[in-house]
Amino acid sequence: IEKDRKTLQGLKEENRSLSVKTGDPDEITQLLSHINTLIEESRLKIIAIEPLESFDGRFFRWSPFQIDMAGRFDRFMFFLNQLKALSDAVEVTRVRIEKSGDKQHPLQIRFLLKI
């Protein structure tokens, strides 16, 4: 029982740092706002953020967003590393990168972000 109490206490500690605890729309909005800040800090240009239909995953309900942005590859990698460091569950899939012809933002980047 003591071991289970310690495990429970550890899980409660981890839960305190999460933005999304229940999947409430306000929590999703808060995390999306934080991710938007990470995009700006990565010096990427947001073109569009499109919310898609939420769906049940294996352990919780995902809220997916189609993200379109422009920028440089190294800045996109910086952004992905910032996402990886988040305490919250996020998943990036369906990444598509194409040349844009713009010298300042040479790549068009599209991906599916699940939070």
C-alpha atoms as a PDB file:
ATOM      1  CA  ILE A   1       0.000   0.000   0.000  1.00  0.00           C
ATOM      2  CA  GLU A   2       2.847   2.391   0.839  1.00  0.00           C
ATOM      3  CA  LYS A   3       4.390   1.818  -2.596  1.00  0.00           C
ATOM      4  CA  ASP A   4       1.027   2.623  -4.240  1.00  0.00           C
ATOM      5  CA  ARG A   5       0.731   5.816  -2.198  1.00  0.00           C
ATOM      6  CA  LYS A   6       4.149   6.941  -3.384  1.00  0.00           C
ATOM      7  CA  THR A   7       3.201   6.143  -6.972  1.00  0.00           C
ATOM      8  CA  LEU A   8      -0.042   8.092  -6.594  1.00  0.00           C
ATOM      9  CA  GLN A   9       1.809  11.055  -5.084  1.00  0.00           C
ATOM     10  CA  GLY A  10       4.270  11.019  -7.992  1.00  0.00           C
ATOM     11  CA  LEU A  11       1.418  11.023 -10.504  1.00  0.00           C
ATOM     12  CA  LYS A  12      -0.252  13.926  -8.698  1.00  0.00           C
ATOM     13  CA  GLU A  13       3.014  15.880  -8.880  1.00  0.00           C
ATOM     14  CA  GLU A  14       3.305  15.229 -12.620  1.00  0.00           C
ATOM     15  CA  ASN A  15      -0.333  16.236 -13.144  1.00  0.00           C
ATOM     16  CA  ARG A  16       0.240  19.688 -11.624  1.00  0.00           C
ATOM     17  CA  SER A  17       2.447  20.719 -14.546  1.00  0.00           C
ATOM     18  CA  LEU A  18      -0.101  19.735 -17.207  1.00  0.00           C
ATOM     19  CA  SER A  19      -2.197  22.331 -19.019  1.00  0.00           C
ATOM     20  CA  VAL A  20      -4.745  19.749 -20.152  1.00  0.00           C
ATOM     21  CA  LYS A  21      -6.098  17.621 -17.329  1.00  0.00           C
ATOM     22  CA  THR A  22      -9.705  16.959 -18.313  1.00  0.00           C
ATOM     23  CA  GLY A  23      -9.854  17.896 -22.005  1.00  0.00           C
ATOM     24  CA  ASP A  24     -12.073  20.879 -21.243  1.00  0.00           C
ATOM     25  CA  PRO A  25     -12.181  23.355 -24.186  1.00  0.00           C
ATOM     26  CA  ASP A  26     -10.627  26.086 -22.006  1.00  0.00           C
ATOM     27  CA  GLU A  27      -7.655  23.806 -21.289  1.00  0.00           C
ATOM     28  CA  ILE A  28      -7.260  23.005 -24.991  1.00  0.00           C
ATOM     29  CA  THR A  29      -7.382  26.728 -25.806  1.00  0.00           C
ATOM     30  CA  GLN A  30      -4.755  27.468 -23.152  1.00  0.00           C
ATOM     31  CA  LEU A  31      -2.381  24.813 -24.498  1.00  0.00           C
ATOM     32  CA  LEU A  32      -2.968  25.916 -28.100  1.00  0.00           C
ATOM     33  CA  SER A  33      -2.157  29.480 -27.061  1.00  0.00           C
ATOM     34  CA  HIS A  34       1.094  28.270 -25.489  1.00  0.00           C
ATOM     35  CA  ILE A  35       1.950  26.332 -28.655  1.00  0.00           C
ATOM     36  CA  ASN A  36       1.240  29.475 -30.691  1.00  0.00           C
ATOM     37  CA  THR A  37       3.781  31.293 -28.505  1.00  0.00           C
ATOM     38  CA  LEU A  38       6.316  28.524 -29.205  1.00  0.00           C
ATOM     39  CA  ILE A  39       5.701  28.988 -32.948  1.00  0.00           C
ATOM     40  CA  GLU A  40       6.338  32.720 -32.650  1.00  0.00           C
ATOM     41  CA  GLU A  41       9.472  32.167 -30.530  1.00  0.00           C
ATOM     42  CA  SER A  42      10.700  29.802 -33.257  1.00  0.00           C
ATOM     43  CA  ARG A  43      10.343  32.671 -35.761  1.00  0.00           C
ATOM     44  CA  LEU A  44       7.905  30.734 -37.907  1.00  0.00           C
ATOM     45  CA  LYS A  45       5.034  32.453 -39.688  1.00  0.00           C
ATOM     46  CA  ILE A  46       1.580  31.047 -38.950  1.00  0.00           C
ATOM     47  CA  ILE A  47      -0.562  30.880 -42.063  1.00  0.00           C
ATOM     48  CA  ALA A  48      -3.552  28.965 -40.687  1.00  0.00           C
ATOM     49  CA  ILE A  49      -4.707  26.906 -37.724  1.00  0.00           C
ATOM     50  CA  GLU A  50      -7.784  24.825 -38.503  1.00  0.00           C
ATOM     51  CA  PRO A  51      -9.531  22.866 -35.737  1.00  0.00           C
ATOM     52  CA  LEU A  52     -10.696  19.413 -36.798  1.00  0.00           C
ATOM     53  CA  GLU A  53     -13.179  16.965 -35.268  1.00  0.00           C
ATOM     54  CA  SER A  54     -11.955  15.574 -31.930  1.00  0.00           C
ATOM     55  CA  PHE A  55     -11.682  11.798 -31.587  1.00  0.00           C
ATOM     56  CA  ASP A  56     -10.998   9.152 -28.970  1.00  0.00           C
ATOM     57  CA  GLY A  57      -7.461   7.844 -28.735  1.00  0.00           C
ATOM     58  CA  ARG A  58      -6.246   4.855 -26.765  1.00  0.00           C
ATOM     59  CA  PHE A  59      -6.035   6.709 -23.442  1.00  0.00           C
ATOM     60  CA  PHE A  60      -7.805  10.042 -23.959  1.00  0.00           C
ATOM     61  CA  ARG A  61      -9.635  12.250 -26.421  1.00  0.00           C
ATOM     62  CA  TRP A  62      -7.482  14.060 -29.014  1.00  0.00           C
ATOM     63  CA  SER A  63      -8.222  17.573 -30.256  1.00  0.00           C
ATOM     64  CA  PRO A  64      -6.544  17.808 -33.676  1.00  0.00           C
ATOM     65  CA  PHE A  65      -5.534  20.970 -35.546  1.00  0.00           C
ATOM     66  CA  GLN A  66      -4.270  21.340 -39.103  1.00  0.00           C
ATOM     67  CA  ILE A  67      -1.363  23.799 -38.920  1.00  0.00           C
ATOM     68  CA  ASP A  68       0.025  25.685 -41.922  1.00  0.00           C
ATOM     69  CA  MET A  69       3.153  27.761 -41.441  1.00  0.00           C
ATOM     70  CA  ALA A  70       6.149  29.108 -43.285  1.00  0.00           C
ATOM     71  CA  GLY A  71       9.777  29.356 -42.263  1.00  0.00           C
ATOM     72  CA  ARG A  72      13.168  27.731 -42.304  1.00  0.00           C
ATOM     73  CA  PHE A  73      13.854  24.060 -41.622  1.00  0.00           C
ATOM     74  CA  ASP A  74      16.153  24.714 -38.654  1.00  0.00           C
ATOM     75  CA  ARG A  75      13.466  26.897 -37.022  1.00  0.00           C
ATOM     76  CA  PHE A  76      10.876  24.152 -37.565  1.00  0.00           C
ATOM     77  CA  MET A  77      13.199  21.642 -35.883  1.00  0.00           C
ATOM     78  CA  PHE A  78      13.634  24.094 -32.995  1.00  0.00           C
ATOM     79  CA  PHE A  79       9.826  24.291 -32.684  1.00  0.00           C
ATOM     80  CA  LEU A  80       9.468  20.494 -32.700  1.00  0.00           C
ATOM     81  CA  ASN A  81      12.042  20.230 -29.911  1.00  0.00           C
ATOM     82  CA  GLN A  82      10.068  22.803 -27.921  1.00  0.00           C
ATOM     83  CA  LEU A  83       6.931  20.678 -28.381  1.00  0.00           C
ATOM     84  CA  LYS A  84       8.824  17.587 -27.298  1.00  0.00           C
ATOM     85  CA  ALA A  85       9.767  19.314 -24.042  1.00  0.00           C
ATOM     86  CA  LEU A  86       6.118  19.992 -23.105  1.00  0.00           C
ATOM     87  CA  SER A  87       4.640  18.042 -20.206  1.00  0.00           C
ATOM     88  CA  ASP A  88       1.327  17.711 -22.038  1.00  0.00           C
ATOM     89  CA  ALA A  89       0.600  14.975 -24.553  1.00  0.00           C
ATOM     90  CA  VAL A  90       1.028  16.290 -28.087  1.00  0.00           C
ATOM     91  CA  GLU A  91       1.535  14.436 -31.338  1.00  0.00           C
ATOM     92  CA  VAL A  92       2.655  15.730 -34.726  1.00  0.00           C
ATOM     93  CA  THR A  93       1.780  13.666 -37.802  1.00  0.00           C
ATOM     94  CA  ARG A  94       1.307  14.106 -41.554  1.00  0.00           C
ATOM     95  CA  VAL A  95       4.193  16.555 -41.923  1.00  0.00           C
ATOM     96  CA  ARG A  96       4.521  18.028 -45.417  1.00  0.00           C
ATOM     97  CA  ILE A  97       7.303  20.465 -46.314  1.00  0.00           C
ATOM     98  CA  GLU A  98       7.544  22.239 -49.667  1.00  0.00           C
ATOM     99  CA  LYS A  99       9.601  25.090 -51.108  1.00  0.00           C
ATOM    100  CA  SER A 100       7.746  28.397 -51.024  1.00  0.00           C
ATOM    101  CA  GLY A 101       9.901  30.673 -53.191  1.00  0.00           C
ATOM    102  CA  ASP A 102       9.955  33.295 -50.401  1.00  0.00           C
ATOM    103  CA  LYS A 103      13.525  34.105 -49.310  1.00  0.00           C
ATOM    104  CA  GLN A 104      12.507  35.051 -45.768  1.00  0.00           C
ATOM    105  CA  HIS A 105      10.283  31.977 -45.287  1.00  0.00           C
ATOM    106  CA  PRO A 106      11.675  29.458 -47.798  1.00  0.00           C
ATOM    107  CA  LEU A 107       9.447  26.527 -46.773  1.00  0.00           C
ATOM    108  CA  GLN A 108       5.709  25.932 -46.560  1.00  0.00           C
ATOM    109  CA  ILE A 109       5.069  23.511 -43.686  1.00  0.00           C
ATOM    110  CA  ARG A 110       1.818  21.677 -42.968  1.00  0.00           C
ATOM    111  CA  PHE A 111       1.178  19.131 -40.225  1.00  0.00           C
ATOM    112  CA  LEU A 112      -1.502  17.671 -38.008  1.00  0.00           C
ATOM    113  CA  LEU A 113      -1.116  18.629 -34.352  1.00  0.00           C
ATOM    114  CA  LYS A 114      -3.012  16.516 -31.824  1.00  0.00           C
ATOM    115  CA  ILE A 115      -3.422  17.834 -28.278  1.00  0.00           C
END
